PDB file of all heavy atoms in Angstrom:
ATOM      1  N   ASN A   1      98.171 105.597  43.006  1.00  0.00           N
ATOM      2  CA  ASN A   1      98.049 105.286  41.612  1.00  0.00           C
ATOM      3  C   ASN A   1      97.494 103.835  41.465  1.00  0.00           C
ATOM      4  O   ASN A   1      96.865 103.521  40.436  1.00  0.00           O
ATOM      5  CB  ASN A   1      99.416 105.271  40.949  1.00  0.00           C
ATOM      6  CG  ASN A   1      99.900 106.699  40.907  1.00  0.00           C
ATOM      7  OD1 ASN A   1      99.481 107.573  40.079  1.00  0.00           O
ATOM      8  ND2 ASN A   1     100.852 107.010  41.839  1.00  0.00           N
ATOM      9  N   VAL A   2      97.718 102.926  42.468  1.00  0.00           N
ATOM     10  CA  VAL A   2      97.194 101.622  42.408  1.00  0.00           C
ATOM     11  C   VAL A   2      95.663 101.617  42.649  1.00  0.00           C
ATOM     12  O   VAL A   2      94.923 100.955  42.020  1.00  0.00           O
ATOM     13  CB  VAL A   2      97.950 100.714  43.310  1.00  0.00           C
ATOM     14  CG1 VAL A   2      97.344  99.295  43.276  1.00  0.00           C
ATOM     15  CG2 VAL A   2      99.395 100.599  42.923  1.00  0.00           C
ATOM     16  N   ASN A   3      95.374 102.407  43.692  1.00  0.00           N
ATOM     17  CA  ASN A   3      93.960 102.357  44.190  1.00  0.00           C
ATOM     18  C   ASN A   3      93.052 103.389  43.560  1.00  0.00           C
ATOM     19  O   ASN A   3      91.802 103.344  43.658  1.00  0.00           O
ATOM     20  CB  ASN A   3      93.943 102.530  45.714  1.00  0.00           C
ATOM     21  CG  ASN A   3      94.717 101.403  46.424  1.00  0.00           C
ATOM     22  OD1 ASN A   3      94.672 100.270  45.992  1.00  0.00           O
ATOM     23  ND2 ASN A   3      95.353 101.675  47.548  1.00  0.00           N
ATOM     24  N   ASN A   4      93.693 104.489  43.004  1.00  0.00           N
ATOM     25  CA  ASN A   4      92.944 105.618  42.442  1.00  0.00           C
ATOM     26  C   ASN A   4      91.919 106.155  43.457  1.00  0.00           C
ATOM     27  O   ASN A   4      90.824 106.407  43.159  1.00  0.00           O
ATOM     28  CB  ASN A   4      92.179 105.246  41.165  1.00  0.00           C
ATOM     29  CG  ASN A   4      93.096 105.032  40.013  1.00  0.00           C
ATOM     30  OD1 ASN A   4      94.074 105.726  39.850  1.00  0.00           O
ATOM     31  ND2 ASN A   4      92.865 104.020  39.224  1.00  0.00           N
ATOM     32  N   SER A   5      92.415 106.309  44.742  1.00  0.00           N
ATOM     33  CA  SER A   5      91.587 106.767  45.779  1.00  0.00           C
ATOM     34  C   SER A   5      91.897 108.259  46.102  1.00  0.00           C
ATOM     35  O   SER A   5      92.976 108.619  46.409  1.00  0.00           O
ATOM     36  CB  SER A   5      91.844 105.927  47.066  1.00  0.00           C
ATOM     37  OG  SER A   5      91.178 106.470  48.156  1.00  0.00           O
ATOM     38  N   ALA A   6      90.854 109.030  46.068  1.00  0.00           N
ATOM     39  CA  ALA A   6      90.928 110.430  46.333  1.00  0.00           C
ATOM     40  C   ALA A   6      91.319 110.626  47.848  1.00  0.00           C
ATOM     41  O   ALA A   6      92.046 111.522  48.173  1.00  0.00           O
ATOM     42  CB  ALA A   6      89.731 111.217  46.070  1.00  0.00           C
ATOM     43  N   TYR A   7      90.833 109.752  48.669  1.00  0.00           N
ATOM     44  CA  TYR A   7      91.111 109.807  50.116  1.00  0.00           C
ATOM     45  C   TYR A   7      92.635 109.654  50.387  1.00  0.00           C
ATOM     46  O   TYR A   7      93.257 110.380  51.038  1.00  0.00           O
ATOM     47  CB  TYR A   7      90.301 108.778  50.954  1.00  0.00           C
ATOM     48  CG  TYR A   7      90.717 108.716  52.347  1.00  0.00           C
ATOM     49  CD1 TYR A   7      90.324 109.618  53.306  1.00  0.00           C
ATOM     50  CD2 TYR A   7      91.530 107.636  52.794  1.00  0.00           C
ATOM     51  CE1 TYR A   7      90.670 109.570  54.589  1.00  0.00           C
ATOM     52  CE2 TYR A   7      91.914 107.577  54.104  1.00  0.00           C
ATOM     53  CZ  TYR A   7      91.493 108.499  55.000  1.00  0.00           C
ATOM     54  OH  TYR A   7      91.820 108.402  56.302  1.00  0.00           O
ATOM     55  N   ASN A   8      93.174 108.627  49.805  1.00  0.00           N
ATOM     56  CA  ASN A   8      94.608 108.377  49.951  1.00  0.00           C
ATOM     57  C   ASN A   8      95.429 109.416  49.437  1.00  0.00           C
ATOM     58  O   ASN A   8      96.493 109.806  49.890  1.00  0.00           O
ATOM     59  CB  ASN A   8      95.046 107.040  49.248  1.00  0.00           C
ATOM     60  CG  ASN A   8      94.532 105.858  50.023  1.00  0.00           C
ATOM     61  OD1 ASN A   8      94.184 105.952  51.129  1.00  0.00           O
ATOM     62  ND2 ASN A   8      94.440 104.701  49.320  1.00  0.00           N
ATOM     63  N   CYS A   9      94.905 110.088  48.266  1.00  0.00           N
ATOM     64  CA  CYS A   9      95.677 111.179  47.707  1.00  0.00           C
ATOM     65  C   CYS A   9      95.771 112.401  48.703  1.00  0.00           C
ATOM     66  O   CYS A   9      96.749 113.100  48.793  1.00  0.00           O
ATOM     67  CB  CYS A   9      95.031 111.592  46.365  1.00  0.00           C
ATOM     68  SG  CYS A   9      96.184 112.488  45.271  1.00  0.00           S
ATOM     69  N   SER A  10      94.692 112.662  49.423  1.00  0.00           N
ATOM     70  CA  SER A  10      94.730 113.693  50.356  1.00  0.00           C
ATOM     71  C   SER A  10      95.580 113.391  51.545  1.00  0.00           C
ATOM     72  O   SER A  10      96.243 114.288  52.031  1.00  0.00           O
ATOM     73  CB  SER A  10      93.239 113.992  50.969  1.00  0.00           C
ATOM     74  OG  SER A  10      92.817 112.812  51.701  1.00  0.00           O
ATOM     75  N   GLN A  11      95.760 112.098  51.829  1.00  0.00           N
ATOM     76  CA  GLN A  11      96.732 111.737  52.854  1.00  0.00           C
ATOM     77  C   GLN A  11      98.154 112.002  52.401  1.00  0.00           C
ATOM     78  O   GLN A  11      99.044 112.346  53.180  1.00  0.00           O
ATOM     79  CB  GLN A  11      96.526 110.228  53.177  1.00  0.00           C
ATOM     80  CG  GLN A  11      95.209 109.920  53.898  1.00  0.00           C
ATOM     81  CD  GLN A  11      95.214 110.632  55.291  1.00  0.00           C
ATOM     82  OE1 GLN A  11      96.119 110.674  55.987  1.00  0.00           O
ATOM     83  NE2 GLN A  11      94.052 111.269  55.498  1.00  0.00           N
ATOM     84  N   THR A  12      98.407 111.809  51.113  1.00  0.00           N
ATOM     85  CA  THR A  12      99.663 112.083  50.525  1.00  0.00           C
ATOM     86  C   THR A  12     100.030 113.553  50.777  1.00  0.00           C
ATOM     87  O   THR A  12     101.160 113.916  51.080  1.00  0.00           O
ATOM     88  CB  THR A  12      99.705 111.809  49.034  1.00  0.00           C
ATOM     89  OG1 THR A  12      99.332 110.406  48.848  1.00  0.00           O
ATOM     90  CG2 THR A  12     101.096 112.041  48.406  1.00  0.00           C
ATOM     91  N   THR A  13      99.083 114.477  50.501  1.00  0.00           N
ATOM     92  CA  THR A  13      99.402 115.903  50.662  1.00  0.00           C
ATOM     93  C   THR A  13      99.715 116.159  52.105  1.00  0.00           C
ATOM     94  O   THR A  13     100.694 116.881  52.372  1.00  0.00           O
ATOM     95  CB  THR A  13      98.154 116.721  50.273  1.00  0.00           C
ATOM     96  OG1 THR A  13      97.729 116.321  48.974  1.00  0.00           O
ATOM     97  CG2 THR A  13      98.453 118.187  50.415  1.00  0.00           C
ATOM     98  N   ASN A  14      99.047 115.501  53.079  1.00  0.00           N
ATOM     99  CA  ASN A  14      99.345 115.753  54.429  1.00  0.00           C
ATOM    100  C   ASN A  14     100.643 115.181  54.876  1.00  0.00           C
ATOM    101  O   ASN A  14     101.374 115.709  55.755  1.00  0.00           O
ATOM    102  CB  ASN A  14      98.258 115.056  55.371  1.00  0.00           C
ATOM    103  CG  ASN A  14      96.901 115.749  55.174  1.00  0.00           C
ATOM    104  OD1 ASN A  14      96.842 116.916  54.773  1.00  0.00           O
ATOM    105  ND2 ASN A  14      95.798 114.979  55.436  1.00  0.00           N
ATOM    106  N   ASN A  15     101.084 114.076  54.239  1.00  0.00           N
ATOM    107  CA  ASN A  15     102.320 113.413  54.587  1.00  0.00           C
ATOM    108  C   ASN A  15     103.542 114.221  54.205  1.00  0.00           C
ATOM    109  O   ASN A  15     104.661 113.875  54.606  1.00  0.00           O
ATOM    110  CB  ASN A  15     102.365 112.027  54.014  1.00  0.00           C
ATOM    111  CG  ASN A  15     101.675 110.998  54.844  1.00  0.00           C
ATOM    112  OD1 ASN A  15     101.365 111.241  56.009  1.00  0.00           O
ATOM    113  ND2 ASN A  15     101.281 109.949  54.225  1.00  0.00           N
ATOM    114  N   HIS A  16     103.328 115.285  53.347  1.00  0.00           N
ATOM    115  CA  HIS A  16     104.510 116.083  52.943  1.00  0.00           C
ATOM    116  C   HIS A  16     104.938 117.014  53.991  1.00  0.00           C
ATOM    117  O   HIS A  16     106.029 117.569  53.924  1.00  0.00           O
ATOM    118  CB  HIS A  16     104.200 116.812  51.643  1.00  0.00           C
ATOM    119  CG  HIS A  16     104.265 115.906  50.463  1.00  0.00           C
ATOM    120  ND1 HIS A  16     105.462 115.404  49.957  1.00  0.00           N
ATOM    121  CD2 HIS A  16     103.307 115.448  49.586  1.00  0.00           C
ATOM    122  CE1 HIS A  16     105.217 114.706  48.870  1.00  0.00           C
ATOM    123  NE2 HIS A  16     103.933 114.664  48.661  1.00  0.00           N
ATOM    124  N   HIS A  17     104.091 117.250  54.957  1.00  0.00           N
ATOM    125  CA  HIS A  17     104.365 118.174  55.985  1.00  0.00           C
ATOM    126  C   HIS A  17     105.196 117.480  57.100  1.00  0.00           C
ATOM    127  O   HIS A  17     104.753 116.381  57.504  1.00  0.00           O
ATOM    128  CB  HIS A  17     103.114 118.785  56.651  1.00  0.00           C
ATOM    129  CG  HIS A  17     102.347 119.643  55.669  1.00  0.00           C
ATOM    130  ND1 HIS A  17     102.783 120.867  55.216  1.00  0.00           N
ATOM    131  CD2 HIS A  17     101.267 119.328  54.957  1.00  0.00           C
ATOM    132  CE1 HIS A  17     101.926 121.387  54.348  1.00  0.00           C
ATOM    133  NE2 HIS A  17     100.982 120.439  54.216  1.00  0.00           N
ATOM    134  N   PRO A  18     106.296 117.978  57.578  1.00  0.00           N
ATOM    135  CA  PRO A  18     107.106 117.324  58.601  1.00  0.00           C
ATOM    136  C   PRO A  18     106.261 117.074  59.852  1.00  0.00           C
ATOM    137  O   PRO A  18     105.582 117.962  60.331  1.00  0.00           O
ATOM    138  CB  PRO A  18     108.327 118.267  58.815  1.00  0.00           C
ATOM    139  CG  PRO A  18     108.348 119.135  57.624  1.00  0.00           C
ATOM    140  CD  PRO A  18     106.929 119.229  57.147  1.00  0.00           C
ATOM    141  N   ALA A  19     106.394 115.882  60.312  1.00  0.00           N
ATOM    142  CA  ALA A  19     105.672 115.558  61.572  1.00  0.00           C
ATOM    143  C   ALA A  19     106.426 116.172  62.807  1.00  0.00           C
ATOM    144  O   ALA A  19     107.601 116.258  62.832  1.00  0.00           O
ATOM    145  CB  ALA A  19     105.603 114.047  61.722  1.00  0.00           C
ATOM    146  N   PRO A  20     105.689 116.613  63.752  1.00  0.00           N
ATOM    147  CA  PRO A  20     106.365 117.043  64.928  1.00  0.00           C
ATOM    148  C   PRO A  20     107.253 115.955  65.637  1.00  0.00           C
ATOM    149  O   PRO A  20     106.920 114.813  65.520  1.00  0.00           O
ATOM    150  CB  PRO A  20     105.154 117.344  65.880  1.00  0.00           C
ATOM    151  CG  PRO A  20     104.041 117.575  64.973  1.00  0.00           C
ATOM    152  CD  PRO A  20     104.244 116.697  63.861  1.00  0.00           C
ATOM    153  N   ALA A  21     108.238 116.373  66.253  1.00  0.00           N
ATOM    154  CA  ALA A  21     109.195 115.427  66.778  1.00  0.00           C
ATOM    155  C   ALA A  21     108.609 114.501  67.810  1.00  0.00           C
ATOM    156  O   ALA A  21     108.810 113.259  67.740  1.00  0.00           O
ATOM    157  CB  ALA A  21     110.399 116.156  67.481  1.00  0.00           C
ATOM    158  N   ALA A  22     107.709 115.017  68.615  1.00  0.00           N
ATOM    159  CA  ALA A  22     107.088 114.163  69.682  1.00  0.00           C
ATOM    160  C   ALA A  22     106.152 113.173  69.060  1.00  0.00           C
ATOM    161  O   ALA A  22     105.959 112.055  69.528  1.00  0.00           O
ATOM    162  CB  ALA A  22     106.295 115.013  70.651  1.00  0.00           C
ATOM    163  N   GLU A  23     105.479 113.473  67.880  1.00  0.00           N
ATOM    164  CA  GLU A  23     104.638 112.543  67.286  1.00  0.00           C
ATOM    165  C   GLU A  23     105.290 111.592  66.341  1.00  0.00           C
ATOM    166  O   GLU A  23     104.870 110.471  66.168  1.00  0.00           O
ATOM    167  CB  GLU A  23     103.566 113.358  66.434  1.00  0.00           C
ATOM    168  CG  GLU A  23     102.738 114.207  67.373  1.00  0.00           C
ATOM    169  CD  GLU A  23     101.742 115.122  66.471  1.00  0.00           C
ATOM    170  OE1 GLU A  23     101.812 114.969  65.238  1.00  0.00           O
ATOM    171  OE2 GLU A  23     100.977 115.833  67.083  1.00  0.00           O
ATOM    172  N   ALA A  24     106.413 111.981  65.710  1.00  0.00           N
ATOM    173  CA  ALA A  24     107.093 111.176  64.834  1.00  0.00           C
ATOM    174  C   ALA A  24     107.789 109.966  65.508  1.00  0.00           C
ATOM    175  O   ALA A  24     107.983 108.926  64.960  1.00  0.00           O
ATOM    176  CB  ALA A  24     108.138 111.941  64.077  1.00  0.00           C
ATOM    177  N   GLU A  25     108.202 110.150  66.785  1.00  0.00           N
ATOM    178  CA  GLU A  25     108.817 109.128  67.500  1.00  0.00           C
ATOM    179  C   GLU A  25     108.106 108.889  68.842  1.00  0.00           C
ATOM    180  O   GLU A  25     108.439 109.478  69.860  1.00  0.00           O
ATOM    181  CB  GLU A  25     110.269 109.554  67.777  1.00  0.00           C
ATOM    182  CG  GLU A  25     111.104 109.521  66.476  1.00  0.00           C
ATOM    183  CD  GLU A  25     111.221 108.146  65.875  1.00  0.00           C
ATOM    184  OE1 GLU A  25     111.073 107.147  66.605  1.00  0.00           O
ATOM    185  OE2 GLU A  25     111.484 108.084  64.703  1.00  0.00           O
ATOM    186  N   PRO A  26     107.131 107.985  68.910  1.00  0.00           N
ATOM    187  CA  PRO A  26     106.387 107.725  70.147  1.00  0.00           C
ATOM    188  C   PRO A  26     107.203 107.267  71.289  1.00  0.00           C
ATOM    189  O   PRO A  26     106.828 107.243  72.374  1.00  0.00           O
ATOM    190  CB  PRO A  26     105.315 106.691  69.679  1.00  0.00           C
ATOM    191  CG  PRO A  26     105.213 106.834  68.258  1.00  0.00           C
ATOM    192  CD  PRO A  26     106.517 107.237  67.734  1.00  0.00           C
ATOM    193  N   GLY A  27     108.447 106.718  70.916  1.00  0.00           N
ATOM    194  CA  GLY A  27     109.331 106.192  71.976  1.00  0.00           C
ATOM    195  C   GLY A  27     109.789 107.160  72.941  1.00  0.00           C
ATOM    196  O   GLY A  27     110.273 106.851  74.022  1.00  0.00           O
ATOM    197  N   TRP A  28     109.780 108.447  72.504  1.00  0.00           N
ATOM    198  CA  TRP A  28     110.226 109.500  73.387  1.00  0.00           C
ATOM    199  C   TRP A  28     109.244 109.678  74.494  1.00  0.00           C
ATOM    200  O   TRP A  28     108.106 109.695  74.439  1.00  0.00           O
ATOM    201  CB  TRP A  28     110.303 110.875  72.600  1.00  0.00           C
ATOM    202  CG  TRP A  28     111.549 111.004  71.826  1.00  0.00           C
ATOM    203  CD1 TRP A  28     111.698 110.993  70.453  1.00  0.00           C
ATOM    204  CD2 TRP A  28     112.855 111.323  72.391  1.00  0.00           C
ATOM    205  NE1 TRP A  28     112.957 111.173  70.125  1.00  0.00           N
ATOM    206  CE2 TRP A  28     113.736 111.444  71.249  1.00  0.00           C
ATOM    207  CE3 TRP A  28     113.355 111.487  73.635  1.00  0.00           C
ATOM    208  CZ2 TRP A  28     115.052 111.692  71.399  1.00  0.00           C
ATOM    209  CZ3 TRP A  28     114.691 111.778  73.780  1.00  0.00           C
ATOM    210  CH2 TRP A  28     115.564 111.820  72.637  1.00  0.00           C
ATOM    211  N   LYS A  29     109.845 109.823  75.723  1.00  0.00           N
ATOM    212  CA  LYS A  29     109.046 110.233  76.863  1.00  0.00           C
ATOM    213  C   LYS A  29     109.461 111.688  77.271  1.00  0.00           C
ATOM    214  O   LYS A  29     110.145 111.961  78.190  1.00  0.00           O
ATOM    215  CB  LYS A  29     109.387 109.331  78.053  1.00  0.00           C
ATOM    216  CG  LYS A  29     108.819 107.921  77.855  1.00  0.00           C
ATOM    217  CD  LYS A  29     108.985 107.076  79.098  1.00  0.00           C
ATOM    218  CE  LYS A  29     108.315 105.683  78.933  1.00  0.00           C
ATOM    219  NZ  LYS A  29     108.570 104.852  80.101  1.00  0.00           N
ATOM    220  N   ALA A  30     108.944 112.558  76.424  1.00  0.00           N
ATOM    221  CA  ALA A  30     109.292 113.979  76.565  1.00  0.00           C
ATOM    222  C   ALA A  30     108.308 114.588  77.597  1.00  0.00           C
ATOM    223  O   ALA A  30     107.222 114.231  77.813  1.00  0.00           O
ATOM    224  CB  ALA A  30     109.101 114.645  75.215  1.00  0.00           C
ATOM    225  N   PRO A  31     108.843 115.637  78.239  1.00  0.00           N
ATOM    226  CA  PRO A  31     108.000 116.434  79.118  1.00  0.00           C
ATOM    227  C   PRO A  31     106.761 116.991  78.313  1.00  0.00           C
ATOM    228  O   PRO A  31     106.880 117.158  77.129  1.00  0.00           O
ATOM    229  CB  PRO A  31     108.905 117.552  79.632  1.00  0.00           C
ATOM    230  CG  PRO A  31     110.325 117.041  79.413  1.00  0.00           C
ATOM    231  CD  PRO A  31     110.218 116.084  78.275  1.00  0.00           C
ATOM    232  N   ALA A  32     105.740 117.319  79.072  1.00  0.00           N
ATOM    233  CA  ALA A  32     104.511 117.838  78.451  1.00  0.00           C
ATOM    234  C   ALA A  32     104.745 119.040  77.518  1.00  0.00           C
ATOM    235  O   ALA A  32     104.131 119.205  76.562  1.00  0.00           O
ATOM    236  CB  ALA A  32     103.461 118.130  79.477  1.00  0.00           C
ATOM    237  N   LYS A  33     105.688 119.875  77.986  1.00  0.00           N
ATOM    238  CA  LYS A  33     105.933 121.142  77.230  1.00  0.00           C
ATOM    239  C   LYS A  33     106.601 120.844  75.820  1.00  0.00           C
ATOM    240  O   LYS A  33     106.550 121.745  74.991  1.00  0.00           O
ATOM    241  CB  LYS A  33     106.834 122.040  78.020  1.00  0.00           C
ATOM    242  CG  LYS A  33     108.132 121.519  78.252  1.00  0.00           C
ATOM    243  CD  LYS A  33     109.007 122.515  79.090  1.00  0.00           C
ATOM    244  CE  LYS A  33     110.384 122.042  79.384  1.00  0.00           C
ATOM    245  NZ  LYS A  33     111.212 122.963  80.119  1.00  0.00           N
ATOM    246  N   HIS A  34     107.090 119.631  75.636  1.00  0.00           N
ATOM    247  CA  HIS A  34     107.724 119.321  74.350  1.00  0.00           C
ATOM    248  C   HIS A  34     106.763 118.580  73.469  1.00  0.00           C
ATOM    249  O   HIS A  34     107.119 118.202  72.396  1.00  0.00           O
ATOM    250  CB  HIS A  34     108.915 118.386  74.556  1.00  0.00           C
ATOM    251  CG  HIS A  34     110.033 119.119  75.315  1.00  0.00           C
ATOM    252  ND1 HIS A  34     110.716 120.180  74.722  1.00  0.00           N
ATOM    253  CD2 HIS A  34     110.603 118.971  76.547  1.00  0.00           C
ATOM    254  CE1 HIS A  34     111.674 120.569  75.550  1.00  0.00           C
ATOM    255  NE2 HIS A  34     111.613 119.848  76.662  1.00  0.00           N
ATOM    256  N   GLN A  35     105.505 118.387  73.880  1.00  0.00           N
ATOM    257  CA  GLN A  35     104.600 117.625  73.070  1.00  0.00           C
ATOM    258  C   GLN A  35     103.599 118.538  72.363  1.00  0.00           C
ATOM    259  O   GLN A  35     103.402 119.671  72.740  1.00  0.00           O
ATOM    260  CB  GLN A  35     103.834 116.644  73.929  1.00  0.00           C
ATOM    261  CG  GLN A  35     104.751 115.554  74.592  1.00  0.00           C
ATOM    262  CD  GLN A  35     104.042 114.622  75.472  1.00  0.00           C
ATOM    263  OE1 GLN A  35     102.896 114.824  75.764  1.00  0.00           O
ATOM    264  NE2 GLN A  35     104.676 113.593  75.878  1.00  0.00           N
ATOM    265  N   GLY A  36     102.988 117.988  71.349  1.00  0.00           N
ATOM    266  CA  GLY A  36     101.876 118.685  70.660  1.00  0.00           C
ATOM    267  C   GLY A  36     102.310 119.722  69.730  1.00  0.00           C
ATOM    268  O   GLY A  36     101.906 120.766  69.712  1.00  0.00           O
ATOM    269  N   GLY A  37     103.338 119.423  68.869  1.00  0.00           N
ATOM    270  CA  GLY A  37     103.700 120.309  67.797  1.00  0.00           C
ATOM    271  C   GLY A  37     105.010 120.855  67.822  1.00  0.00           C
ATOM    272  O   GLY A  37     105.382 121.726  66.998  1.00  0.00           O
ATOM    273  N   LEU A  38     105.936 120.565  68.751  1.00  0.00           N
ATOM    274  CA  LEU A  38     107.247 121.056  68.785  1.00  0.00           C
ATOM    275  C   LEU A  38     108.050 120.453  67.589  1.00  0.00           C
ATOM    276  O   LEU A  38     108.008 119.257  67.401  1.00  0.00           O
ATOM    277  CB  LEU A  38     107.919 120.761  70.108  1.00  0.00           C
ATOM    278  CG  LEU A  38     109.414 121.126  70.199  1.00  0.00           C
ATOM    279  CD1 LEU A  38     109.497 122.731  70.126  1.00  0.00           C
ATOM    280  CD2 LEU A  38     109.996 120.662  71.499  1.00  0.00           C
ATOM    281  N   ARG A  39     108.736 121.303  66.899  1.00  0.00           N
ATOM    282  CA  ARG A  39     109.597 120.850  65.822  1.00  0.00           C
ATOM    283  C   ARG A  39     110.961 121.270  66.121  1.00  0.00           C
ATOM    284  O   ARG A  39     111.309 122.403  66.548  1.00  0.00           O
ATOM    285  CB  ARG A  39     109.161 121.356  64.488  1.00  0.00           C
ATOM    286  CG  ARG A  39     107.743 120.992  64.051  1.00  0.00           C
ATOM    287  CD  ARG A  39     107.447 121.632  62.771  1.00  0.00           C
ATOM    288  NE  ARG A  39     105.995 121.258  62.375  1.00  0.00           N
ATOM    289  CZ  ARG A  39     105.426 121.711  61.269  1.00  0.00           C
ATOM    290  NH1 ARG A  39     106.032 122.494  60.430  1.00  0.00           N
ATOM    291  NH2 ARG A  39     104.228 121.388  61.019  1.00  0.00           N
ATOM    292  N   TRP A  40     112.000 120.316  65.867  1.00  0.00           N
ATOM    293  CA  TRP A  40     113.319 120.654  66.016  1.00  0.00           C
ATOM    294  C   TRP A  40     113.740 121.667  64.873  1.00  0.00           C
ATOM    295  O   TRP A  40     113.743 121.275  63.724  1.00  0.00           O
ATOM    296  CB  TRP A  40     114.247 119.482  66.014  1.00  0.00           C
ATOM    297  CG  TRP A  40     113.964 118.480  67.117  1.00  0.00           C
ATOM    298  CD1 TRP A  40     113.427 117.305  67.164  1.00  0.00           C
ATOM    299  CD2 TRP A  40     114.356 118.752  68.450  1.00  0.00           C
ATOM    300  NE1 TRP A  40     113.274 116.790  68.436  1.00  0.00           N
ATOM    301  CE2 TRP A  40     113.881 117.639  69.245  1.00  0.00           C
ATOM    302  CE3 TRP A  40     114.980 119.809  69.196  1.00  0.00           C
ATOM    303  CZ2 TRP A  40     114.094 117.558  70.595  1.00  0.00           C
ATOM    304  CZ3 TRP A  40     115.171 119.687  70.549  1.00  0.00           C
ATOM    305  CH2 TRP A  40     114.728 118.595  71.228  1.00  0.00           C
ATOM    306  N   ARG A  41     114.192 122.829  65.268  1.00  0.00           N
ATOM    307  CA  ARG A  41     114.708 123.690  64.269  1.00  0.00           C
ATOM    308  C   ARG A  41     116.139 124.158  64.630  1.00  0.00           C
ATOM    309  O   ARG A  41     116.503 124.286  65.793  1.00  0.00           O
ATOM    310  CB  ARG A  41     113.848 124.964  64.225  1.00  0.00           C
ATOM    311  CG  ARG A  41     112.384 124.674  63.741  1.00  0.00           C
ATOM    312  CD  ARG A  41     111.605 125.982  63.569  1.00  0.00           C
ATOM    313  NE  ARG A  41     110.214 125.696  63.240  1.00  0.00           N
ATOM    314  CZ  ARG A  41     109.823 125.624  61.979  1.00  0.00           C
ATOM    315  NH1 ARG A  41     110.710 125.708  61.026  1.00  0.00           N
ATOM    316  NH2 ARG A  41     108.530 125.351  61.737  1.00  0.00           N
TER     317      ARG A  41
END
């Protein structure tokens, strides 16, 4: 609303989707099989 940027608005839509656990917390040193889209359910 401050910038009136369509680009930022598209980022808003993307941010509503939960991030995968491995991406949301880079501090994790998870095995490879837990990376790239695993979500805790």
